C-alpha cells in the first residue's frame, strides 16, 4: 500500500510501512547539478481532448544516467490526487513517459524514483 502524507512542509511516501522523503527543488536558480539531474521535467501539450504530459528526467540540459549502478526505476504522474499511471524502466532504457489527461486539476504532479537517491517530484 502506498499513501502520500504531508508533514508540515515535507511530503512523505509511505510504502508498506516504510517512510521516504520526497525531494524537490525549491529554487531553480540555486539548484545544484545533483538536484537538476534527478528532478522530473514536465512539458504540457494542449490537445483537443485535454493535455498530453511529456516527462523526461533532468533540467537545464543535465540528464540522469541510466547505468546498472545508477538509474531511474519509474516515473508516475497524478492529476491532482488522481493517479494517471506509472512507467517502469530498466537501466538500458532512457526514462521518458507520456500521460494523457482529459481534464486537468489545478496541479499536475510527477514523481521519479532513482535507485540510489530516492524519490523526486515536480509540480506544474
PDB file of N, CA and C in Angstrom:
ATOM      1  N   UNK A   1       0.835  -1.178   0.000  1.00  0.00           N
ATOM      2  CA  UNK A   1       0.000   0.000   0.000  1.00  0.00           C
ATOM      3  C   UNK A   1       0.880   1.241   0.000  1.00  0.00           C
ATOM      4  N   UNK A   2       0.542   2.226  -0.838  1.00  0.00           N
ATOM      5  CA  UNK A   2       1.287   3.469  -0.933  1.00  0.00           C
ATOM      6  C   UNK A   2       0.340   4.625  -0.650  1.00  0.00           C
ATOM      7  N   UNK A   3       0.739   5.515   0.235  1.00  0.00           N
ATOM      8  CA  UNK A   3      -0.023   6.716   0.538  1.00  0.00           C
ATOM      9  C   UNK A   3       0.909   7.896   0.510  1.00  0.00           C
ATOM     10  N   UNK A   4       0.372   9.071   0.188  1.00  0.00           N
ATOM     11  CA  UNK A   4       1.133  10.300   0.277  1.00  0.00           C
ATOM     12  C   UNK A   4       0.650  11.030   1.513  1.00  0.00           C
ATOM     13  N   UNK A   5       1.581  11.445   2.354  1.00  0.00           N
ATOM     14  CA  UNK A   5       1.266  12.095   3.616  1.00  0.00           C
ATOM     15  C   UNK A   5       2.032  13.402   3.683  1.00  0.00           C
ATOM     16  N   UNK A   6       1.384  14.479   4.169  1.00  0.00           N
ATOM     17  CA  UNK A   6       2.064  15.766   4.297  1.00  0.00           C
ATOM     18  C   UNK A   6       2.401  16.026   5.761  1.00  0.00           C
ATOM     19  N   UNK A   7       3.660  16.310   6.040  1.00  0.00           N
ATOM     20  CA  UNK A   7       4.133  16.697   7.354  1.00  0.00           C
ATOM     21  C   UNK A   7       4.700  18.101   7.238  1.00  0.00           C
ATOM     22  N   UNK A   8       3.985  19.097   7.702  1.00  0.00           N
ATOM     23  CA  UNK A   8       4.380  20.500   7.602  1.00  0.00           C
ATOM     24  C   UNK A   8       4.788  20.789   6.163  1.00  0.00           C
ATOM     25  N   UNK A   9       6.056  21.125   5.882  1.00  0.00           N
ATOM     26  CA  UNK A   9       6.458  21.477   4.522  1.00  0.00           C
ATOM     27  C   UNK A   9       7.117  20.333   3.769  1.00  0.00           C
ATOM     28  N   UNK A  10       7.034  19.115   4.293  1.00  0.00           N
ATOM     29  CA  UNK A  10       7.662  17.964   3.664  1.00  0.00           C
ATOM     30  C   UNK A  10       6.587  16.979   3.228  1.00  0.00           C
ATOM     31  N   UNK A  11       6.717  16.475   2.017  1.00  0.00           N
ATOM     32  CA  UNK A  11       5.827  15.420   1.542  1.00  0.00           C
ATOM     33  C   UNK A  11       6.559  14.108   1.742  1.00  0.00           C
ATOM     34  N   UNK A  12       5.853  13.095   2.217  1.00  0.00           N
ATOM     35  CA  UNK A  12       6.473  11.816   2.512  1.00  0.00           C
ATOM     36  C   UNK A  12       5.665  10.694   1.901  1.00  0.00           C
ATOM     37  N   UNK A  13       6.355   9.677   1.381  1.00  0.00           N
ATOM     38  CA  UNK A  13       5.711   8.482   0.846  1.00  0.00           C
ATOM     39  C   UNK A  13       5.723   7.403   1.908  1.00  0.00           C
ATOM     40  N   UNK A  14       4.618   6.720   2.065  1.00  0.00           N
ATOM     41  CA  UNK A  14       4.540   5.593   2.986  1.00  0.00           C
ATOM     42  C   UNK A  14       4.303   4.348   2.139  1.00  0.00           C
ATOM     43  N   UNK A  15       5.312   3.486   2.046  1.00  0.00           N
ATOM     44  CA  UNK A  15       5.257   2.276   1.231  1.00  0.00           C
ATOM     45  C   UNK A  15       5.399   1.070   2.138  1.00  0.00           C
ATOM     46  N   UNK A  16       4.312   0.338   2.321  1.00  0.00           N
ATOM     47  CA  UNK A  16       4.360  -0.865   3.165  1.00  0.00           C
ATOM     48  C   UNK A  16       5.043  -0.582   4.501  1.00  0.00           C
ATOM     49  N   UNK A  17       4.709   0.560   5.094  1.00  0.00           N
ATOM     50  CA  UNK A  17       5.261   0.898   6.393  1.00  0.00           C
ATOM     51  C   UNK A  17       6.592   1.613   6.350  1.00  0.00           C
ATOM     52  N   UNK A  18       7.221   1.728   5.170  1.00  0.00           N
ATOM     53  CA  UNK A  18       8.500   2.414   5.020  1.00  0.00           C
ATOM     54  C   UNK A  18       8.225   3.863   4.618  1.00  0.00           C
ATOM     55  N   UNK A  19       8.836   4.810   5.297  1.00  0.00           N
ATOM     56  CA  UNK A  19       8.619   6.228   5.018  1.00  0.00           C
ATOM     57  C   UNK A  19       9.831   6.786   4.282  1.00  0.00           C
ATOM     58  N   UNK A  20       9.597   7.476   3.172  1.00  0.00           N
ATOM     59  CA  UNK A  20      10.685   8.046   2.386  1.00  0.00           C
ATOM     60  C   UNK A  20      10.371   9.498   2.055  1.00  0.00           C
ATOM     61  N   UNK A  21      11.336  10.362   2.234  1.00  0.00           N
ATOM     62  CA  UNK A  21      11.165  11.773   1.906  1.00  0.00           C
ATOM     63  C   UNK A  21      11.092  11.948   0.394  1.00  0.00           C
ATOM     64  N   UNK A  22      10.238  12.869  -0.036  1.00  0.00           N
ATOM     65  CA  UNK A  22      10.127  13.217  -1.452  1.00  0.00           C
ATOM     66  C   UNK A  22      10.926  14.498  -1.674  1.00  0.00           C
ATOM     67  N   UNK A  23      11.950  14.420  -2.518  1.00  0.00           N
ATOM     68  CA  UNK A  23      12.821  15.560  -2.784  1.00  0.00           C
ATOM     69  C   UNK A  23      12.255  16.417  -3.912  1.00  0.00           C
ATOM     70  N   UNK A  24      12.438  17.715  -3.802  1.00  0.00           N
ATOM     71  CA  UNK A  24      12.046  18.632  -4.874  1.00  0.00           C
ATOM     72  C   UNK A  24      12.933  19.870  -4.809  1.00  0.00           C
ATOM     73  N   UNK A  25      12.969  20.605  -5.898  1.00  0.00           N
ATOM     74  CA  UNK A  25      13.754  21.839  -5.963  1.00  0.00           C
ATOM     75  C   UNK A  25      12.867  22.989  -5.525  1.00  0.00           C
ATOM     76  N   UNK A  26      13.332  23.736  -4.556  1.00  0.00           N
ATOM     77  CA  UNK A  26      12.573  24.901  -4.098  1.00  0.00           C
ATOM     78  C   UNK A  26      12.918  26.144  -4.900  1.00  0.00           C
ATOM     79  N   UNK A  27      14.188  26.310  -5.272  1.00  0.00           N
ATOM     80  CA  UNK A  27      14.630  27.484  -6.024  1.00  0.00           C
ATOM     81  C   UNK A  27      15.469  27.014  -7.212  1.00  0.00           C
ATOM     82  N   UNK A  28      14.884  27.047  -8.390  1.00  0.00           N
ATOM     83  CA  UNK A  28      15.558  26.535  -9.585  1.00  0.00           C
ATOM     84  C   UNK A  28      16.854  27.299  -9.870  1.00  0.00           C
ATOM     85  N   UNK A  29      16.912  28.573  -9.535  1.00  0.00           N
ATOM     86  CA  UNK A  29      18.103  29.374  -9.815  1.00  0.00           C
ATOM     87  C   UNK A  29      19.300  28.990  -8.949  1.00  0.00           C
ATOM     88  N   UNK A  30      19.066  28.393  -7.774  1.00  0.00           N
ATOM     89  CA  UNK A  30      20.175  27.986  -6.917  1.00  0.00           C
ATOM     90  C   UNK A  30      20.309  26.462  -6.819  1.00  0.00           C
ATOM     91  N   UNK A  31      19.626  25.738  -7.712  1.00  0.00           N
ATOM     92  CA  UNK A  31      19.668  24.273  -7.689  1.00  0.00           C
ATOM     93  C   UNK A  31      21.039  23.755  -8.096  1.00  0.00           C
ATOM     94  N   UNK A  32      21.453  22.675  -7.467  1.00  0.00           N
ATOM     95  CA  UNK A  32      22.720  22.032  -7.807  1.00  0.00           C
ATOM     96  C   UNK A  32      22.532  21.100  -9.006  1.00  0.00           C
ATOM     97  N   UNK A  33      23.641  20.700  -9.633  1.00  0.00           N
ATOM     98  CA  UNK A  33      23.564  19.730 -10.731  1.00  0.00           C
ATOM     99  C   UNK A  33      22.926  18.430 -10.248  1.00  0.00           C
ATOM    100  N   UNK A  34      23.231  18.024  -9.013  1.00  0.00           N
ATOM    101  CA  UNK A  34      22.642  16.819  -8.420  1.00  0.00           C
ATOM    102  C   UNK A  34      21.120  16.923  -8.397  1.00  0.00           C
ATOM    103  N   UNK A  35      20.590  18.062  -7.962  1.00  0.00           N
ATOM    104  CA  UNK A  35      19.139  18.260  -7.923  1.00  0.00           C
ATOM    105  C   UNK A  35      18.554  18.313  -9.327  1.00  0.00           C
ATOM    106  N   UNK A  36      19.237  19.015 -10.218  1.00  0.00           N
ATOM    107  CA  UNK A  36      18.734  19.167 -11.587  1.00  0.00           C
ATOM    108  C   UNK A  36      18.634  17.834 -12.316  1.00  0.00           C
ATOM    109  N   UNK A  37      19.611  16.940 -12.134  1.00  0.00           N
ATOM    110  CA  UNK A  37      19.586  15.680 -12.887  1.00  0.00           C
ATOM    111  C   UNK A  37      18.567  14.680 -12.350  1.00  0.00           C
ATOM    112  N   UNK A  38      18.032  14.895 -11.158  1.00  0.00           N
ATOM    113  CA  UNK A  38      17.053  13.980 -10.585  1.00  0.00           C
ATOM    114  C   UNK A  38      15.600  14.450 -10.705  1.00  0.00           C
ATOM    115  N   UNK A  39      15.393  15.705 -11.002  1.00  0.00           N
ATOM    116  CA  UNK A  39      14.054  16.277 -10.989  1.00  0.00           C
ATOM    117  C   UNK A  39      13.321  16.031 -12.310  1.00  0.00           C
ATOM    118  N   UNK A  40      12.062  15.584 -12.244  1.00  0.00           N
ATOM    119  CA  UNK A  40      11.280  15.411 -13.471  1.00  0.00           C
ATOM    120  C   UNK A  40      11.089  16.734 -14.207  1.00  0.00           C
ATOM    121  N   UNK A  41      11.229  16.677 -15.519  1.00  0.00           N
ATOM    122  CA  UNK A  41      10.972  17.812 -16.397  1.00  0.00           C
ATOM    123  C   UNK A  41       9.621  17.565 -17.054  1.00  0.00           C
ATOM    124  N   UNK A  42       8.677  18.459 -16.824  1.00  0.00           N
ATOM    125  CA  UNK A  42       7.303  18.270 -17.296  1.00  0.00           C
ATOM    126  C   UNK A  42       7.013  19.238 -18.432  1.00  0.00           C
ATOM    127  N   UNK A  43       6.544  18.694 -19.555  1.00  0.00           N
ATOM    128  CA  UNK A  43       6.091  19.511 -20.676  1.00  0.00           C
ATOM    129  C   UNK A  43       4.614  19.209 -20.896  1.00  0.00           C
ATOM    130  N   UNK A  44       3.787  20.248 -20.905  1.00  0.00           N
ATOM    131  CA  UNK A  44       2.355  20.086 -21.144  1.00  0.00           C
ATOM    132  C   UNK A  44       2.042  20.496 -22.573  1.00  0.00           C
ATOM    133  N   UNK A  45       1.363  19.615 -23.295  1.00  0.00           N
ATOM    134  CA  UNK A  45       0.969  19.878 -24.678  1.00  0.00           C
ATOM    135  C   UNK A  45      -0.553  19.881 -24.722  1.00  0.00           C
ATOM    136  N   UNK A  46      -1.140  20.958 -25.208  1.00  0.00           N
ATOM    137  CA  UNK A  46      -2.593  21.059 -25.287  1.00  0.00           C
ATOM    138  C   UNK A  46      -3.118  20.192 -26.436  1.00  0.00           C
ATOM    139  N   UNK A  47      -4.117  19.386 -26.134  1.00  0.00           N
ATOM    140  CA  UNK A  47      -4.802  18.558 -27.119  1.00  0.00           C
ATOM    141  C   UNK A  47      -6.258  18.984 -27.170  1.00  0.00           C
ATOM    142  N   UNK A  48      -6.967  18.620 -28.218  1.00  0.00           N
ATOM    143  CA  UNK A  48      -8.387  18.942 -28.303  1.00  0.00           C
ATOM    144  C   UNK A  48      -9.164  18.293 -27.155  1.00  0.00           C
ATOM    145  N   UNK A  49      -8.714  17.121 -26.725  1.00  0.00           N
ATOM    146  CA  UNK A  49      -9.415  16.391 -25.671  1.00  0.00           C
ATOM    147  C   UNK A  49      -8.867  16.659 -24.271  1.00  0.00           C
ATOM    148  N   UNK A  50      -7.820  17.473 -24.149  1.00  0.00           N
ATOM    149  CA  UNK A  50      -7.237  17.743 -22.839  1.00  0.00           C
ATOM    150  C   UNK A  50      -5.774  18.097 -22.951  1.00  0.00           C
ATOM    151  N   UNK A  51      -4.924  17.361 -22.227  1.00  0.00           N
ATOM    152  CA  UNK A  51      -3.492  17.630 -22.236  1.00  0.00           C
ATOM    153  C   UNK A  51      -2.696  16.340 -22.358  1.00  0.00           C
ATOM    154  N   UNK A  52      -1.535  16.462 -23.005  1.00  0.00           N
ATOM    155  CA  UNK A  52      -0.549  15.399 -23.040  1.00  0.00           C
ATOM    156  C   UNK A  52       0.592  15.853 -22.144  1.00  0.00           C
ATOM    157  N   UNK A  53       0.977  15.009 -21.205  1.00  0.00           N
ATOM    158  CA  UNK A  53       2.054  15.319 -20.282  1.00  0.00           C
ATOM    159  C   UNK A  53       3.265  14.515 -20.721  1.00  0.00           C
ATOM    160  N   UNK A  54       4.331  15.207 -21.117  1.00  0.00           N
ATOM    161  CA  UNK A  54       5.581  14.555 -21.519  1.00  0.00           C
ATOM    162  C   UNK A  54       6.586  14.739 -20.390  1.00  0.00           C
ATOM    163  N   UNK A  55       7.217  13.643 -19.967  1.00  0.00           N
ATOM    164  CA  UNK A  55       8.134  13.706 -18.834  1.00  0.00           C
ATOM    165  C   UNK A  55       9.490  13.121 -19.205  1.00  0.00           C
ATOM    166  N   UNK A  56      10.533  13.895 -18.957  1.00  0.00           N
ATOM    167  CA  UNK A  56      11.902  13.422 -19.006  1.00  0.00           C
ATOM    168  C   UNK A  56      12.492  13.687 -17.622  1.00  0.00           C
ATOM    169  N   UNK A  57      13.675  13.178 -17.366  1.00  0.00           N
ATOM    170  CA  UNK A  57      14.311  13.411 -16.079  1.00  0.00           C
ATOM    171  C   UNK A  57      15.539  14.276 -16.303  1.00  0.00           C
ATOM    172  N   UNK A  58      15.597  15.385 -15.579  1.00  0.00           N
ATOM    173  CA  UNK A  58      16.712  16.316 -15.675  1.00  0.00           C
ATOM    174  C   UNK A  58      16.248  17.665 -16.191  1.00  0.00           C
ATOM    175  N   UNK A  59      16.855  18.706 -15.639  1.00  0.00           N
ATOM    176  CA  UNK A  59      16.526  20.075 -16.020  1.00  0.00           C
ATOM    177  C   UNK A  59      17.778  20.791 -16.500  1.00  0.00           C
ATOM    178  N   UNK A  60      17.576  21.851 -17.284  1.00  0.00           N
ATOM    179  CA  UNK A  60      18.666  22.702 -17.770  1.00  0.00           C
ATOM    180  C   UNK A  60      19.750  21.903 -18.489  1.00  0.00           C
ATOM    181  N   UNK A  61      19.354  20.892 -19.245  1.00  0.00           N
ATOM    182  CA  UNK A  61      20.300  20.115 -20.043  1.00  0.00           C
ATOM    183  C   UNK A  61      21.116  19.095 -19.275  1.00  0.00           C
ATOM    184  N   UNK A  62      20.821  18.907 -18.003  1.00  0.00           N
ATOM    185  CA  UNK A  62      21.552  17.928 -17.201  1.00  0.00           C
ATOM    186  C   UNK A  62      20.674  16.688 -17.069  1.00  0.00           C
ATOM    187  N   UNK A  63      21.067  15.612 -17.738  1.00  0.00           N
ATOM    188  CA  UNK A  63      20.241  14.403 -17.739  1.00  0.00           C
ATOM    189  C   UNK A  63      20.746  13.391 -16.711  1.00  0.00           C
ATOM    190  N   UNK A  64      19.864  12.512 -16.345  1.00  0.00           N
ATOM    191  CA  UNK A  64      20.180  11.474 -15.369  1.00  0.00           C
ATOM    192  C   UNK A  64      20.812  10.283 -16.081  1.00  0.00           C
ATOM    193  N   UNK A  65      21.837   9.659 -15.484  1.00  0.00           N
ATOM    194  CA  UNK A  65      22.430   8.469 -16.108  1.00  0.00           C
ATOM    195  C   UNK A  65      21.487   7.274 -16.012  1.00  0.00           C
ATOM    196  N   UNK A  66      21.649   6.347 -16.905  1.00  0.00           N
ATOM    197  CA  UNK A  66      20.919   5.074 -16.854  1.00  0.00           C
ATOM    198  C   UNK A  66      21.959   3.971 -16.963  1.00  0.00           C
ATOM    199  N   UNK A  67      22.565   3.626 -15.842  1.00  0.00           N
ATOM    200  CA  UNK A  67      23.556   2.555 -15.792  1.00  0.00           C
ATOM    201  C   UNK A  67      23.078   1.506 -14.804  1.00  0.00           C
ATOM    202  N   UNK A  68      23.692   0.354 -14.812  1.00  0.00           N
ATOM    203  CA  UNK A  68      23.327  -0.716 -13.872  1.00  0.00           C
ATOM    204  C   UNK A  68      23.425  -0.239 -12.422  1.00  0.00           C
ATOM    205  N   UNK A  69      24.368   0.650 -12.145  1.00  0.00           N
ATOM    206  CA  UNK A  69      24.599   1.116 -10.783  1.00  0.00           C
ATOM    207  C   UNK A  69      23.692   2.270 -10.383  1.00  0.00           C
ATOM    208  N   UNK A  70      23.223   3.067 -11.341  1.00  0.00           N
ATOM    209  CA  UNK A  70      22.508   4.311 -11.047  1.00  0.00           C
ATOM    210  C   UNK A  70      21.494   4.573 -12.153  1.00  0.00           C
ATOM    211  N   UNK A  71      20.198   4.455 -11.823  1.00  0.00           N
ATOM    212  CA  UNK A  71      19.184   4.640 -12.852  1.00  0.00           C
ATOM    213  C   UNK A  71      17.835   5.038 -12.266  1.00  0.00           C
ATOM    214  N   UNK A  72      16.969   5.572 -13.129  1.00  0.00           N
ATOM    215  CA  UNK A  72      15.594   5.888 -12.766  1.00  0.00           C
ATOM    216  C   UNK A  72      14.776   4.616 -12.923  1.00  0.00           C
ATOM    217  N   UNK A  73      14.127   4.194 -11.834  1.00  0.00           N
ATOM    218  CA  UNK A  73      13.343   2.956 -11.840  1.00  0.00           C
ATOM    219  C   UNK A  73      11.952   3.152 -12.425  1.00  0.00           C
ATOM    220  N   UNK A  74      11.305   4.284 -12.111  1.00  0.00           N
ATOM    221  CA  UNK A  74       9.976   4.552 -12.650  1.00  0.00           C
ATOM    222  C   UNK A  74       9.630   6.032 -12.584  1.00  0.00           C
ATOM    223  N   UNK A  75       8.636   6.397 -13.389  1.00  0.00           N
ATOM    224  CA  UNK A  75       8.028   7.730 -13.389  1.00  0.00           C
ATOM    225  C   UNK A  75       6.534   7.512 -13.211  1.00  0.00           C
ATOM    226  N   UNK A  76       5.907   8.313 -12.347  1.00  0.00           N
ATOM    227  CA  UNK A  76       4.453   8.253 -12.208  1.00  0.00           C
ATOM    228  C   UNK A  76       3.901   9.668 -12.175  1.00  0.00           C
ATOM    229  N   UNK A  77       2.644   9.794 -12.619  1.00  0.00           N
ATOM    230  CA  UNK A  77       2.028  11.114 -12.710  1.00  0.00           C
ATOM    231  C   UNK A  77       0.650  11.104 -12.063  1.00  0.00           C
ATOM    232  N   UNK A  78       0.266  12.287 -11.573  1.00  0.00           N
ATOM    233  CA  UNK A  78      -1.033  12.492 -10.944  1.00  0.00           C
ATOM    234  C   UNK A  78      -1.655  13.758 -11.507  1.00  0.00           C
ATOM    235  N   UNK A  79      -2.969  13.725 -11.678  1.00  0.00           N
ATOM    236  CA  UNK A  79      -3.756  14.915 -11.980  1.00  0.00           C
ATOM    237  C   UNK A  79      -4.417  15.278 -10.654  1.00  0.00           C
ATOM    238  N   UNK A  80      -3.805  16.189  -9.911  1.00  0.00           N
ATOM    239  CA  UNK A  80      -4.264  16.445  -8.544  1.00  0.00           C
ATOM    240  C   UNK A  80      -4.023  15.191  -7.723  1.00  0.00           C
ATOM    241  N   UNK A  81      -5.076  14.628  -7.149  1.00  0.00           N
ATOM    242  CA  UNK A  81      -4.969  13.397  -6.363  1.00  0.00           C
ATOM    243  C   UNK A  81      -5.220  12.132  -7.197  1.00  0.00           C
ATOM    244  N   UNK A  82      -5.614  12.299  -8.464  1.00  0.00           N
ATOM    245  CA  UNK A  82      -5.928  11.159  -9.338  1.00  0.00           C
ATOM    246  C   UNK A  82      -4.685  10.603 -10.002  1.00  0.00           C
ATOM    247  N   UNK A  83      -4.351   9.325  -9.791  1.00  0.00           N
ATOM    248  CA  UNK A  83      -3.200   8.737 -10.484  1.00  0.00           C
ATOM    249  C   UNK A  83      -3.457   8.635 -11.987  1.00  0.00           C
ATOM    250  N   UNK A  84      -2.465   8.982 -12.778  1.00  0.00           N
ATOM    251  CA  UNK A  84      -2.552   8.857 -14.232  1.00  0.00           C
ATOM    252  C   UNK A  84      -1.827   7.624 -14.741  1.00  0.00           C
ATOM    253  N   UNK A  85      -0.881   7.111 -13.970  1.00  0.00           N
ATOM    254  CA  UNK A  85      -0.157   5.919 -14.375  1.00  0.00           C
ATOM    255  C   UNK A  85       1.289   5.948 -13.946  1.00  0.00           C
ATOM    256  N   UNK A  86       1.947   4.797 -14.141  1.00  0.00           N
ATOM    257  CA  UNK A  86       3.351   4.627 -13.811  1.00  0.00           C
ATOM    258  C   UNK A  86       4.030   3.925 -14.975  1.00  0.00           C
ATOM    259  N   UNK A  87       5.238   4.386 -15.323  1.00  0.00           N
ATOM    260  CA  UNK A  87       6.039   3.749 -16.372  1.00  0.00           C
ATOM    261  C   UNK A  87       7.353   3.312 -15.726  1.00  0.00           C
ATOM    262  N   UNK A  88       7.673   2.010 -15.826  1.00  0.00           N
ATOM    263  CA  UNK A  88       8.886   1.452 -15.222  1.00  0.00           C
ATOM    264  C   UNK A  88      10.003   1.355 -16.263  1.00  0.00           C
ATOM    265  N   UNK A  89      11.249   1.438 -15.779  1.00  0.00           N
ATOM    266  CA  UNK A  89      12.423   1.401 -16.657  1.00  0.00           C
ATOM    267  C   UNK A  89      13.460   0.437 -16.100  1.00  0.00           C
ATOM    268  N   UNK A  90      14.254  -0.122 -16.993  1.00  0.00           N
ATOM    269  CA  UNK A  90      15.454  -0.830 -16.548  1.00  0.00           C
ATOM    270  C   UNK A  90      16.636   0.047 -16.958  1.00  0.00           C
ATOM    271  N   UNK A  91      17.842  -0.270 -16.520  1.00  0.00           N
ATOM    272  CA  UNK A  91      18.977   0.613 -16.781  1.00  0.00           C
ATOM    273  C   UNK A  91      19.276   0.882 -18.256  1.00  0.00           C
ATOM    274  N   UNK A  92      18.794   0.035 -19.152  1.00  0.00           N
ATOM    275  CA  UNK A  92      19.091   0.225 -20.574  1.00  0.00           C
ATOM    276  C   UNK A  92      18.108   1.162 -21.279  1.00  0.00           C
ATOM    277  N   UNK A  93      17.086   1.640 -20.574  1.00  0.00           N
ATOM    278  CA  UNK A  93      16.034   2.457 -21.192  1.00  0.00           C
ATOM    279  C   UNK A  93      16.118   3.900 -20.687  1.00  0.00           C
ATOM    280  N   UNK A  94      16.128   4.861 -21.610  1.00  0.00           N
ATOM    281  CA  UNK A  94      16.103   6.273 -21.249  1.00  0.00           C
ATOM    282  C   UNK A  94      14.750   6.584 -20.611  1.00  0.00           C
ATOM    283  N   UNK A  95      14.747   7.196 -19.424  1.00  0.00           N
ATOM    284  CA  UNK A  95      13.471   7.471 -18.759  1.00  0.00           C
ATOM    285  C   UNK A  95      12.687   8.583 -19.444  1.00  0.00           C
ATOM    286  N   UNK A  96      11.600   8.191 -20.093  1.00  0.00           N
ATOM    287  CA  UNK A  96      10.689   9.112 -20.771  1.00  0.00           C
ATOM    288  C   UNK A  96       9.293   8.525 -20.646  1.00  0.00           C
ATOM    289  N   UNK A  97       8.330   9.371 -20.330  1.00  0.00           N
ATOM    290  CA  UNK A  97       6.953   8.887 -20.199  1.00  0.00           C
ATOM    291  C   UNK A  97       5.986   9.931 -20.736  1.00  0.00           C
ATOM    292  N   UNK A  98       4.865   9.442 -21.240  1.00  0.00           N
ATOM    293  CA  UNK A  98       3.772  10.309 -21.672  1.00  0.00           C
ATOM    294  C   UNK A  98       2.494   9.856 -20.984  1.00  0.00           C
ATOM    295  N   UNK A  99       1.701  10.832 -20.561  1.00  0.00           N
ATOM    296  CA  UNK A  99       0.416  10.566 -19.929  1.00  0.00           C
ATOM    297  C   UNK A  99      -0.595  11.522 -20.529  1.00  0.00           C
ATOM    298  N   UNK A 100      -1.792  11.022 -20.833  1.00  0.00           N
ATOM    299  CA  UNK A 100      -2.860  11.878 -21.331  1.00  0.00           C
ATOM    300  C   UNK A 100      -3.875  12.094 -20.230  1.00  0.00           C
ATOM    301  N   UNK A 101      -4.389  13.303 -20.163  1.00  0.00           N
ATOM    302  CA  UNK A 101      -5.412  13.626 -19.184  1.00  0.00           C
ATOM    303  C   UNK A 101      -6.499  14.430 -19.904  1.00  0.00           C
ATOM    304  N   UNK A 102      -7.749  14.002 -19.727  1.00  0.00           N
ATOM    305  CA  UNK A 102      -8.860  14.682 -20.395  1.00  0.00           C
ATOM    306  C   UNK A 102      -9.095  16.064 -19.821  1.00  0.00           C
ATOM    307  N   UNK A 103      -9.093  16.139 -18.531  1.00  0.00           N
ATOM    308  CA  UNK A 103      -9.248  17.431 -17.877  1.00  0.00           C
ATOM    309  C   UNK A 103      -8.159  17.507 -16.823  1.00  0.00           C
ATOM    310  N   UNK A 104      -7.705  18.688 -16.571  1.00  0.00           N
ATOM    311  CA  UNK A 104      -6.627  18.824 -15.604  1.00  0.00           C
ATOM    312  C   UNK A 104      -7.115  19.527 -14.353  1.00  0.00           C
ATOM    313  N   UNK A 105      -6.664  19.056 -13.226  1.00  0.00           N
ATOM    314  CA  UNK A 105      -6.921  19.768 -11.982  1.00  0.00           C
ATOM    315  C   UNK A 105      -6.037  21.003 -11.998  1.00  0.00           C
ATOM    316  N   UNK A 106      -5.962  21.660 -10.892  1.00  0.00           N
ATOM    317  CA  UNK A 106      -5.114  22.843 -10.837  1.00  0.00           C
ATOM    318  C   UNK A 106      -3.640  22.470 -10.766  1.00  0.00           C
ATOM    319  N   UNK A 107      -3.323  21.166 -10.586  1.00  0.00           N
ATOM    320  CA  UNK A 107      -1.922  20.790 -10.445  1.00  0.00           C
ATOM    321  C   UNK A 107      -1.631  19.398 -11.006  1.00  0.00           C
ATOM    322  N   UNK A 108      -0.583  19.326 -11.844  1.00  0.00           N
ATOM    323  CA  UNK A 108      -0.046  18.058 -12.311  1.00  0.00           C
ATOM    324  C   UNK A 108       1.184  17.763 -11.452  1.00  0.00           C
ATOM    325  N   UNK A 109       1.273  16.544 -10.932  1.00  0.00           N
ATOM    326  CA  UNK A 109       2.387  16.131 -10.081  1.00  0.00           C
ATOM    327  C   UNK A 109       3.064  14.941 -10.742  1.00  0.00           C
ATOM    328  N   UNK A 110       4.392  14.999 -10.870  1.00  0.00           N
ATOM    329  CA  UNK A 110       5.159  13.896 -11.439  1.00  0.00           C
ATOM    330  C   UNK A 110       6.243  13.516 -10.445  1.00  0.00           C
ATOM    331  N   UNK A 111       6.384  12.205 -10.221  1.00  0.00           N
ATOM    332  CA  UNK A 111       7.420  11.685  -9.331  1.00  0.00           C
ATOM    333  C   UNK A 111       8.286  10.694 -10.101  1.00  0.00           C
ATOM    334  N   UNK A 112       9.568  10.651  -9.723  1.00  0.00           N
ATOM    335  CA  UNK A 112      10.514   9.704 -10.321  1.00  0.00           C
ATOM    336  C   UNK A 112      11.348   9.098  -9.200  1.00  0.00           C
ATOM    337  N   UNK A 113      11.622   7.793  -9.321  1.00  0.00           N
ATOM    338  CA  UNK A 113      12.401   7.104  -8.298  1.00  0.00           C
ATOM    339  C   UNK A 113      13.780   6.748  -8.838  1.00  0.00           C
ATOM    340  N   UNK A 114      14.820   7.300  -8.218  1.00  0.00           N
ATOM    341  CA  UNK A 114      16.213   6.955  -8.514  1.00  0.00           C
ATOM    342  C   UNK A 114      16.605   5.829  -7.565  1.00  0.00           C
ATOM    343  N   UNK A 115      17.237   4.794  -8.087  1.00  0.00           N
ATOM    344  CA  UNK A 115      17.593   3.649  -7.248  1.00  0.00           C
ATOM    345  C   UNK A 115      18.591   4.012  -6.156  1.00  0.00           C
ATOM    346  N   UNK A 116      19.360   5.073  -6.322  1.00  0.00           N
ATOM    347  CA  UNK A 116      20.348   5.478  -5.306  1.00  0.00           C
ATOM    348  C   UNK A 116      19.923   6.683  -4.468  1.00  0.00           C
ATOM    349  N   UNK A 117      19.161   7.584  -5.070  1.00  0.00           N
ATOM    350  CA  UNK A 117      18.910   8.868  -4.419  1.00  0.00           C
ATOM    351  C   UNK A 117      17.446   9.153  -4.123  1.00  0.00           C
ATOM    352  N   UNK A 118      16.608   8.118  -4.181  1.00  0.00           N
ATOM    353  CA  UNK A 118      15.238   8.244  -3.706  1.00  0.00           C
ATOM    354  C   UNK A 118      14.255   8.895  -4.649  1.00  0.00           C
ATOM    355  N   UNK A 119      13.190   9.395  -4.052  1.00  0.00           N
ATOM    356  CA  UNK A 119      12.021   9.897  -4.767  1.00  0.00           C
ATOM    357  C   UNK A 119      12.135  11.397  -5.010  1.00  0.00           C
ATOM    358  N   UNK A 120      11.911  11.812  -6.278  1.00  0.00           N
ATOM    359  CA  UNK A 120      11.991  13.211  -6.690  1.00  0.00           C
ATOM    360  C   UNK A 120      10.675  13.621  -7.310  1.00  0.00           C
ATOM    361  N   UNK A 121      10.276  14.865  -7.106  1.00  0.00           N
ATOM    362  CA  UNK A 121       8.957  15.317  -7.538  1.00  0.00           C
ATOM    363  C   UNK A 121       9.031  16.712  -8.146  1.00  0.00           C
ATOM    364  N   UNK A 122       8.139  16.928  -9.131  1.00  0.00           N
ATOM    365  CA  UNK A 122       7.934  18.256  -9.716  1.00  0.00           C
ATOM    366  C   UNK A 122       6.442  18.463  -9.878  1.00  0.00           C
ATOM    367  N   UNK A 123       6.024  19.715  -9.799  1.00  0.00           N
ATOM    368  CA  UNK A 123       4.608  20.074  -9.925  1.00  0.00           C
ATOM    369  C   UNK A 123       4.453  21.247 -10.884  1.00  0.00           C
ATOM    370  N   UNK A 124       3.393  21.208 -11.681  1.00  0.00           N
ATOM    371  CA  UNK A 124       3.041  22.341 -12.547  1.00  0.00           C
ATOM    372  C   UNK A 124       1.562  22.602 -12.432  1.00  0.00           C
TER     373      UNK A 124
END
